[in-house]
Amino acid sequence: MARKKTKNAAEAPGFDTGSPVEPSAHWSALREGDRVSVRLAPGFETGGRVSAVTPDRTVVWVDLDGGRGRTLLHCSDGVEILPA
């Protein structure tokens, strides 16, 4: 029986290790507890509250309104997080 070879993340297609990621300028102002509007895709926007931010501001956790849970957003995800 053949075994499936698993590639590590650096070998996976589409994974770019050569360029550092930078958050949008307004991500640097986000603080825990801030009310925000999250634009996940054109025409899809939801509100929430920032529950955590990494020190480098590249990752933000948001508790979404309406009991929709907590979501992790990375600056390279293509989402917008704006003050509400």
C-alpha atoms as a PDB file:
ATOM      1  CA  MET A   1       0.000   0.000   0.000  1.00  0.00           C
ATOM      2  CA  ALA A   2       1.396   3.390  -0.992  1.00  0.00           C
ATOM      3  CA  ARG A   3       1.811   6.030   1.653  1.00  0.00           C
ATOM      4  CA  LYS A   4       0.686   9.557   1.043  1.00  0.00           C
ATOM      5  CA  LYS A   5       3.600  11.954   1.286  1.00  0.00           C
ATOM      6  CA  THR A   6       2.808  15.053   3.273  1.00  0.00           C
ATOM      7  CA  LYS A   7       4.551  18.237   2.235  1.00  0.00           C
ATOM      8  CA  ASN A   8       5.622  20.657   4.870  1.00  0.00           C
ATOM      9  CA  ALA A   9       4.129  24.146   4.698  1.00  0.00           C
ATOM     10  CA  ALA A  10       7.160  25.656   2.978  1.00  0.00           C
ATOM     11  CA  GLU A  11       6.826  23.164   0.099  1.00  0.00           C
ATOM     12  CA  ALA A  12       3.072  23.583  -0.302  1.00  0.00           C
ATOM     13  CA  PRO A  13       1.900  25.371  -3.444  1.00  0.00           C
ATOM     14  CA  GLY A  14       1.142  29.050  -2.912  1.00  0.00           C
ATOM     15  CA  PHE A  15       3.154  29.358   0.284  1.00  0.00           C
ATOM     16  CA  ASP A  16       5.487  32.342   0.067  1.00  0.00           C
ATOM     17  CA  THR A  17       8.264  32.443   2.652  1.00  0.00           C
ATOM     18  CA  GLY A  18      10.211  35.228   0.956  1.00  0.00           C
ATOM     19  CA  SER A  19       8.143  38.287   1.752  1.00  0.00           C
ATOM     20  CA  PRO A  20       7.175  39.473   5.233  1.00  0.00           C
ATOM     21  CA  VAL A  21       3.537  40.329   5.831  1.00  0.00           C
ATOM     22  CA  GLU A  22       2.544  43.790   6.935  1.00  0.00           C
ATOM     23  CA  PRO A  23      -0.817  44.707   8.457  1.00  0.00           C
ATOM     24  CA  SER A  24      -2.794  47.678   7.172  1.00  0.00           C
ATOM     25  CA  ALA A  25      -1.915  50.917   8.929  1.00  0.00           C
ATOM     26  CA  HIS A  26      -5.213  51.059  10.842  1.00  0.00           C
ATOM     27  CA  TRP A  27      -4.587  47.592  12.344  1.00  0.00           C
ATOM     28  CA  SER A  28      -1.887  49.181  14.525  1.00  0.00           C
ATOM     29  CA  ALA A  29      -4.563  51.196  16.338  1.00  0.00           C
ATOM     30  CA  LEU A  30      -6.700  48.156  17.245  1.00  0.00           C
ATOM     31  CA  ARG A  31      -6.933  47.362  20.945  1.00  0.00           C
ATOM     32  CA  GLU A  32      -8.646  44.643  22.932  1.00  0.00           C
ATOM     33  CA  GLY A  33     -12.289  45.605  23.530  1.00  0.00           C
ATOM     34  CA  ASP A  34     -12.608  47.875  20.462  1.00  0.00           C
ATOM     35  CA  ARG A  35     -15.852  47.678  18.473  1.00  0.00           C
ATOM     36  CA  VAL A  36     -15.053  46.922  14.834  1.00  0.00           C
ATOM     37  CA  SER A  37     -16.652  46.289  11.482  1.00  0.00           C
ATOM     38  CA  VAL A  38     -15.193  43.313   9.608  1.00  0.00           C
ATOM     39  CA  ARG A  39     -15.446  43.215   5.817  1.00  0.00           C
ATOM     40  CA  LEU A  40     -14.806  39.593   4.900  1.00  0.00           C
ATOM     41  CA  ALA A  41     -15.749  39.854   1.216  1.00  0.00           C
ATOM     42  CA  PRO A  42     -17.427  42.426  -1.032  1.00  0.00           C
ATOM     43  CA  GLY A  43     -20.962  42.809   0.253  1.00  0.00           C
ATOM     44  CA  PHE A  44     -20.393  40.790   3.438  1.00  0.00           C
ATOM     45  CA  GLU A  45     -19.774  42.874   6.520  1.00  0.00           C
ATOM     46  CA  THR A  46     -20.305  42.027  10.163  1.00  0.00           C
ATOM     47  CA  GLY A  47     -19.658  43.682  13.497  1.00  0.00           C
ATOM     48  CA  GLY A  48     -17.769  42.469  16.505  1.00  0.00           C
ATOM     49  CA  ARG A  49     -15.401  43.243  19.325  1.00  0.00           C
ATOM     50  CA  VAL A  50     -11.636  42.730  19.306  1.00  0.00           C
ATOM     51  CA  SER A  51     -10.781  40.072  21.874  1.00  0.00           C
ATOM     52  CA  ALA A  52      -7.017  39.829  21.248  1.00  0.00           C
ATOM     53  CA  VAL A  53      -4.265  41.289  19.067  1.00  0.00           C
ATOM     54  CA  THR A  54      -0.744  39.942  18.603  1.00  0.00           C
ATOM     55  CA  PRO A  55       2.118  42.315  19.491  1.00  0.00           C
ATOM     56  CA  ASP A  56       3.145  42.636  15.822  1.00  0.00           C
ATOM     57  CA  ARG A  57      -0.477  43.445  14.860  1.00  0.00           C
ATOM     58  CA  THR A  58      -0.598  40.796  12.110  1.00  0.00           C
ATOM     59  CA  VAL A  59      -3.270  38.666  13.835  1.00  0.00           C
ATOM     60  CA  VAL A  60      -6.538  39.840  15.396  1.00  0.00           C
ATOM     61  CA  TRP A  61      -9.178  37.753  17.181  1.00  0.00           C
ATOM     62  CA  VAL A  62     -12.712  39.137  16.882  1.00  0.00           C
ATOM     63  CA  ASP A  63     -15.830  38.024  18.785  1.00  0.00           C
ATOM     64  CA  LEU A  64     -18.517  38.376  16.129  1.00  0.00           C
ATOM     65  CA  ASP A  65     -21.910  39.900  16.928  1.00  0.00           C
ATOM     66  CA  GLY A  66     -25.025  37.782  17.145  1.00  0.00           C
ATOM     67  CA  GLY A  67     -23.377  34.814  18.816  1.00  0.00           C
ATOM     68  CA  ARG A  68     -21.529  33.840  15.633  1.00  0.00           C
ATOM     69  CA  GLY A  69     -18.394  32.933  17.530  1.00  0.00           C
ATOM     70  CA  ARG A  70     -14.808  34.084  17.626  1.00  0.00           C
ATOM     71  CA  THR A  71     -12.713  34.314  14.483  1.00  0.00           C
ATOM     72  CA  LEU A  72      -8.998  34.706  13.873  1.00  0.00           C
ATOM     73  CA  LEU A  73      -8.058  37.172  11.135  1.00  0.00           C
ATOM     74  CA  HIS A  74      -4.584  37.481   9.660  1.00  0.00           C
ATOM     75  CA  CYS A  75      -3.419  40.560   7.779  1.00  0.00           C
ATOM     76  CA  SER A  76      -2.819  38.470   4.650  1.00  0.00           C
ATOM     77  CA  ASP A  77      -6.411  37.132   4.622  1.00  0.00           C
ATOM     78  CA  GLY A  78      -7.661  40.047   2.531  1.00  0.00           C
ATOM     79  CA  VAL A  79     -10.151  41.244   5.136  1.00  0.00           C
ATOM     80  CA  GLU A  80     -10.700  44.781   6.386  1.00  0.00           C
ATOM     81  CA  ILE A  81     -11.103  45.538  10.074  1.00  0.00           C
ATOM     82  CA  LEU A  82     -12.358  49.064  10.651  1.00  0.00           C
ATOM     83  CA  PRO A  83     -13.358  50.903  13.827  1.00  0.00           C
ATOM     84  CA  ALA A  84     -17.131  50.806  14.271  1.00  0.00           C
END
